[in-house]
Amino acid sequence: MPFRNYSGSGMSSEQVITNGEQMEQLATYIVAKVVRNKAAEITPDTPLVSSGLIDSFALIDIFLELQRIAGCKIPASKVQAKDMDTIRLMFAVAEKYGKPPKQ
């Protein structure tokens, strides 16, 4: 299911990005900005926290990037660490709890 990207990109209508493209964007961000091993291969189902690939401190940055890519605001109170272990789980949370950002 695609997400609506509500970001203020100057577009007059909502931009629809497929779920797979968004997951790939987040995986690219995680490899470039978060993990130490830049050769790491991250798929939508790669365990991130439980495998030790990322630590809990990195989840804040990833959570913010998830919201940016998905184009929504996600109430932090609705998210638990287990919901952030894979990219697929992260987007499930965005789909379930995400709301368009206030403008």
N, C-alpha and C. Protein backbone atom coordinates (compact mmCIF):
# COMPACT_ATOMS: atom_id res chain seq x y z
N MET A 1 0.85 -1.17 0.00
CA MET A 1 0.00 0.00 0.00
C MET A 1 0.89 1.24 0.00
N PRO A 2 0.71 2.13 -0.94
CA PRO A 2 1.55 3.33 -0.97
C PRO A 2 1.15 4.31 0.11
N PHE A 3 2.12 5.10 0.51
CA PHE A 3 1.88 6.16 1.47
C PHE A 3 1.76 7.46 0.73
N ARG A 4 1.04 8.38 1.28
CA ARG A 4 0.96 9.72 0.72
C ARG A 4 2.10 10.53 1.30
N ASN A 5 2.82 11.19 0.47
CA ASN A 5 3.90 12.05 0.95
C ASN A 5 3.36 13.46 1.03
N TYR A 6 3.18 13.95 2.25
CA TYR A 6 2.60 15.26 2.48
C TYR A 6 3.65 16.35 2.61
N SER A 7 4.89 16.04 2.33
CA SER A 7 5.96 17.02 2.55
C SER A 7 5.76 18.24 1.68
N GLY A 8 6.17 19.36 2.19
CA GLY A 8 5.99 20.62 1.48
C GLY A 8 6.99 20.77 0.36
N SER A 9 6.84 20.04 -0.70
CA SER A 9 7.80 20.08 -1.79
C SER A 9 7.36 21.03 -2.90
N GLY A 10 6.32 21.82 -2.65
CA GLY A 10 5.85 22.73 -3.66
C GLY A 10 4.88 22.09 -4.63
N MET A 11 4.54 20.85 -4.43
CA MET A 11 3.61 20.17 -5.31
C MET A 11 2.19 20.52 -4.87
N SER A 12 1.31 20.68 -5.83
CA SER A 12 -0.05 21.08 -5.50
C SER A 12 -0.90 19.91 -5.04
N SER A 13 -0.53 18.70 -5.39
CA SER A 13 -1.29 17.54 -4.94
C SER A 13 -0.36 16.58 -4.22
N GLU A 14 -0.96 15.59 -3.56
CA GLU A 14 -0.16 14.63 -2.81
C GLU A 14 0.68 13.79 -3.78
N GLN A 15 1.88 13.50 -3.38
CA GLN A 15 2.76 12.64 -4.16
C GLN A 15 2.63 11.24 -3.59
N VAL A 16 2.35 10.28 -4.45
CA VAL A 16 2.23 8.90 -3.99
C VAL A 16 3.53 8.18 -4.29
N ILE A 17 4.12 7.61 -3.26
CA ILE A 17 5.36 6.86 -3.39
C ILE A 17 5.06 5.44 -2.95
N THR A 18 5.53 4.46 -3.69
CA THR A 18 5.24 3.09 -3.31
C THR A 18 5.99 2.72 -2.04
N ASN A 19 5.41 1.81 -1.32
CA ASN A 19 5.98 1.33 -0.08
C ASN A 19 7.40 0.83 -0.29
N GLY A 20 7.64 0.09 -1.36
CA GLY A 20 8.97 -0.45 -1.63
C GLY A 20 10.00 0.64 -1.84
N GLU A 21 9.63 1.71 -2.55
CA GLU A 21 10.55 2.82 -2.77
C GLU A 21 10.88 3.51 -1.45
N GLN A 22 9.90 3.66 -0.61
CA GLN A 22 10.13 4.30 0.69
C GLN A 22 11.03 3.44 1.56
N MET A 23 10.80 2.14 1.55
CA MET A 23 11.64 1.24 2.33
C MET A 23 13.08 1.30 1.84
N GLU A 24 13.26 1.37 0.54
CA GLU A 24 14.61 1.48 -0.02
C GLU A 24 15.27 2.80 0.39
N GLN A 25 14.51 3.88 0.40
CA GLN A 25 15.05 5.18 0.84
C GLN A 25 15.52 5.10 2.29
N LEU A 26 14.71 4.47 3.15
CA LEU A 26 15.09 4.37 4.56
C LEU A 26 16.30 3.46 4.74
N ALA A 27 16.36 2.36 4.00
CA ALA A 27 17.53 1.47 4.07
C ALA A 27 18.79 2.21 3.65
N THR A 28 18.70 3.00 2.59
CA THR A 28 19.85 3.79 2.13
C THR A 28 20.29 4.78 3.20
N TYR A 29 19.33 5.43 3.84
CA TYR A 29 19.64 6.37 4.92
C TYR A 29 20.36 5.66 6.07
N ILE A 30 19.84 4.51 6.47
CA ILE A 30 20.42 3.78 7.60
C ILE A 30 21.87 3.38 7.30
N VAL A 31 22.12 2.88 6.10
CA VAL A 31 23.49 2.48 5.74
C VAL A 31 24.40 3.71 5.69
N ALA A 32 23.92 4.80 5.11
CA ALA A 32 24.76 5.99 4.93
C ALA A 32 25.01 6.75 6.23
N LYS A 33 24.01 6.81 7.11
CA LYS A 33 24.11 7.71 8.26
C LYS A 33 24.19 7.03 9.61
N VAL A 34 23.81 5.75 9.70
CA VAL A 34 23.67 5.14 11.03
C VAL A 34 24.66 4.00 11.28
N VAL A 35 24.68 3.01 10.43
CA VAL A 35 25.52 1.84 10.70
C VAL A 35 26.99 2.14 10.44
N ARG A 36 27.83 1.47 11.19
CA ARG A 36 29.28 1.66 11.02
C ARG A 36 29.79 0.90 9.80
N ASN A 37 29.19 -0.26 9.55
CA ASN A 37 29.60 -1.10 8.42
C ASN A 37 28.88 -0.62 7.16
N LYS A 38 29.52 0.20 6.37
CA LYS A 38 28.90 0.77 5.17
C LYS A 38 28.64 -0.28 4.09
N ALA A 39 29.20 -1.47 4.25
CA ALA A 39 28.95 -2.55 3.30
C ALA A 39 27.75 -3.39 3.72
N ALA A 40 27.12 -3.03 4.83
CA ALA A 40 25.97 -3.79 5.32
C ALA A 40 24.85 -3.77 4.29
N GLU A 41 24.23 -4.92 4.11
CA GLU A 41 23.08 -5.02 3.22
C GLU A 41 21.83 -5.07 4.08
N ILE A 42 21.00 -4.07 3.92
CA ILE A 42 19.79 -3.98 4.73
C ILE A 42 18.58 -4.14 3.82
N THR A 43 17.75 -5.12 4.15
CA THR A 43 16.50 -5.36 3.43
C THR A 43 15.35 -4.92 4.34
N PRO A 44 14.12 -4.92 3.82
CA PRO A 44 12.99 -4.56 4.68
C PRO A 44 12.82 -5.46 5.91
N ASP A 45 13.38 -6.68 5.85
CA ASP A 45 13.21 -7.63 6.95
C ASP A 45 14.48 -7.88 7.76
N THR A 46 15.52 -7.10 7.53
CA THR A 46 16.76 -7.25 8.29
C THR A 46 16.56 -6.79 9.73
N PRO A 47 16.81 -7.66 10.72
CA PRO A 47 16.72 -7.21 12.11
C PRO A 47 17.80 -6.16 12.36
N LEU A 48 17.40 -5.02 12.87
CA LEU A 48 18.34 -3.93 13.08
C LEU A 48 18.81 -3.83 14.52
N VAL A 49 17.87 -3.74 15.44
CA VAL A 49 18.23 -3.59 16.85
C VAL A 49 18.58 -4.94 17.46
N SER A 50 17.72 -5.93 17.26
CA SER A 50 17.94 -7.24 17.89
C SER A 50 19.23 -7.91 17.41
N SER A 51 19.71 -7.54 16.22
CA SER A 51 20.96 -8.11 15.70
C SER A 51 22.18 -7.32 16.14
N GLY A 52 21.96 -6.13 16.72
CA GLY A 52 23.07 -5.28 17.12
C GLY A 52 23.59 -4.39 16.00
N LEU A 53 22.92 -4.42 14.85
CA LEU A 53 23.35 -3.60 13.72
C LEU A 53 23.25 -2.11 14.04
N ILE A 54 22.21 -1.74 14.78
CA ILE A 54 22.08 -0.36 15.26
C ILE A 54 21.76 -0.40 16.75
N ASP A 55 22.05 0.69 17.44
CA ASP A 55 21.72 0.75 18.86
C ASP A 55 20.46 1.59 19.07
N SER A 56 19.96 1.56 20.28
CA SER A 56 18.70 2.24 20.57
C SER A 56 18.80 3.75 20.40
N PHE A 57 19.99 4.30 20.55
CA PHE A 57 20.15 5.75 20.37
C PHE A 57 19.90 6.16 18.92
N ALA A 58 20.25 5.29 17.99
CA ALA A 58 20.06 5.58 16.56
C ALA A 58 18.58 5.57 16.17
N LEU A 59 17.75 4.94 16.98
CA LEU A 59 16.33 4.85 16.64
C LEU A 59 15.66 6.22 16.55
N ILE A 60 16.13 7.18 17.31
CA ILE A 60 15.53 8.52 17.26
C ILE A 60 15.73 9.12 15.87
N ASP A 61 16.96 9.08 15.38
CA ASP A 61 17.23 9.61 14.04
C ASP A 61 16.46 8.84 12.97
N ILE A 62 16.40 7.54 13.11
CA ILE A 62 15.68 6.71 12.14
C ILE A 62 14.19 7.01 12.19
N PHE A 63 13.65 7.20 13.38
CA PHE A 63 12.23 7.52 13.55
C PHE A 63 11.91 8.85 12.85
N LEU A 64 12.76 9.84 13.01
CA LEU A 64 12.54 11.13 12.35
C LEU A 64 12.62 11.00 10.83
N GLU A 65 13.57 10.20 10.36
CA GLU A 65 13.70 9.99 8.91
C GLU A 65 12.51 9.20 8.38
N LEU A 66 12.02 8.24 9.13
CA LEU A 66 10.82 7.48 8.75
C LEU A 66 9.65 8.43 8.53
N GLN A 67 9.45 9.34 9.46
CA GLN A 67 8.36 10.31 9.33
C GLN A 67 8.54 11.18 8.09
N ARG A 68 9.77 11.60 7.83
CA ARG A 68 10.03 12.44 6.66
C ARG A 68 9.73 11.68 5.37
N ILE A 69 10.23 10.45 5.27
CA ILE A 69 10.03 9.66 4.05
C ILE A 69 8.56 9.30 3.87
N ALA A 70 7.90 8.90 4.95
CA ALA A 70 6.49 8.51 4.86
C ALA A 70 5.57 9.71 4.74
N GLY A 71 6.11 10.91 5.04
CA GLY A 71 5.31 12.12 4.92
C GLY A 71 4.21 12.20 5.95
N CYS A 72 4.50 11.73 7.16
CA CYS A 72 3.48 11.75 8.20
C CYS A 72 4.11 11.98 9.57
N LYS A 73 3.28 12.32 10.52
CA LYS A 73 3.69 12.44 11.92
C LYS A 73 3.19 11.19 12.62
N ILE A 74 4.06 10.58 13.40
CA ILE A 74 3.71 9.37 14.14
C ILE A 74 3.85 9.69 15.62
N PRO A 75 2.78 9.52 16.40
CA PRO A 75 2.90 9.78 17.84
C PRO A 75 3.93 8.84 18.47
N ALA A 76 4.97 9.40 19.06
CA ALA A 76 6.03 8.60 19.67
C ALA A 76 5.49 7.67 20.75
N SER A 77 4.41 8.08 21.40
CA SER A 77 3.83 7.26 22.46
C SER A 77 3.25 5.95 21.93
N LYS A 78 3.03 5.86 20.63
CA LYS A 78 2.46 4.65 20.04
C LYS A 78 3.53 3.66 19.59
N VAL A 79 4.80 4.06 19.65
CA VAL A 79 5.88 3.25 19.10
C VAL A 79 6.71 2.63 20.22
N GLN A 80 6.96 1.34 20.09
CA GLN A 80 7.84 0.63 21.01
C GLN A 80 9.09 0.18 20.25
N ALA A 81 10.15 -0.12 20.95
CA ALA A 81 11.40 -0.52 20.31
C ALA A 81 11.20 -1.72 19.39
N LYS A 82 10.35 -2.66 19.78
CA LYS A 82 10.12 -3.85 18.95
C LYS A 82 9.49 -3.50 17.62
N ASP A 83 8.79 -2.36 17.57
CA ASP A 83 8.16 -1.90 16.33
C ASP A 83 9.18 -1.32 15.36
N MET A 84 10.40 -1.12 15.82
CA MET A 84 11.43 -0.47 15.01
C MET A 84 12.56 -1.44 14.65
N ASP A 85 12.34 -2.74 14.82
CA ASP A 85 13.43 -3.69 14.59
C ASP A 85 13.71 -3.93 13.11
N THR A 86 12.70 -3.81 12.26
CA THR A 86 12.93 -3.94 10.82
C THR A 86 12.26 -2.77 10.11
N ILE A 87 12.70 -2.51 8.91
CA ILE A 87 12.11 -1.43 8.13
C ILE A 87 10.65 -1.73 7.83
N ARG A 88 10.32 -2.99 7.57
CA ARG A 88 8.92 -3.35 7.30
C ARG A 88 8.04 -3.04 8.51
N LEU A 89 8.53 -3.35 9.71
CA LEU A 89 7.77 -3.04 10.93
C LEU A 89 7.59 -1.53 11.09
N MET A 90 8.64 -0.77 10.77
CA MET A 90 8.57 0.69 10.89
C MET A 90 7.47 1.25 9.99
N PHE A 91 7.39 0.77 8.77
CA PHE A 91 6.37 1.28 7.86
C PHE A 91 4.97 0.80 8.24
N ALA A 92 4.88 -0.36 8.89
CA ALA A 92 3.58 -0.80 9.40
C ALA A 92 3.10 0.16 10.48
N VAL A 93 4.01 0.63 11.32
CA VAL A 93 3.67 1.62 12.35
C VAL A 93 3.25 2.93 11.70
N ALA A 94 3.98 3.35 10.66
CA ALA A 94 3.64 4.59 9.96
C ALA A 94 2.26 4.49 9.33
N GLU A 95 1.95 3.34 8.77
CA GLU A 95 0.65 3.14 8.15
C GLU A 95 -0.47 3.14 9.19
N LYS A 96 -0.21 2.52 10.32
CA LYS A 96 -1.24 2.40 11.36
C LYS A 96 -1.49 3.71 12.10
N TYR A 97 -0.42 4.42 12.46
CA TYR A 97 -0.56 5.58 13.34
C TYR A 97 -0.25 6.93 12.68
N GLY A 98 0.34 6.91 11.49
CA GLY A 98 0.77 8.16 10.85
C GLY A 98 -0.40 9.05 10.45
N LYS A 99 -0.20 10.34 10.64
CA LYS A 99 -1.19 11.34 10.26
C LYS A 99 -0.47 12.43 9.47
N PRO A 100 -1.17 13.10 8.55
CA PRO A 100 -0.52 14.20 7.82
C PRO A 100 0.00 15.25 8.79
N PRO A 101 1.18 15.80 8.53
CA PRO A 101 1.70 16.85 9.42
C PRO A 101 0.85 18.11 9.32
N LYS A 102 0.77 18.83 10.42
CA LYS A 102 0.03 20.10 10.42
C LYS A 102 0.84 21.12 9.64
N GLN A 103 0.14 21.92 8.85
CA GLN A 103 0.85 22.92 8.05
C GLN A 103 0.53 24.31 8.48
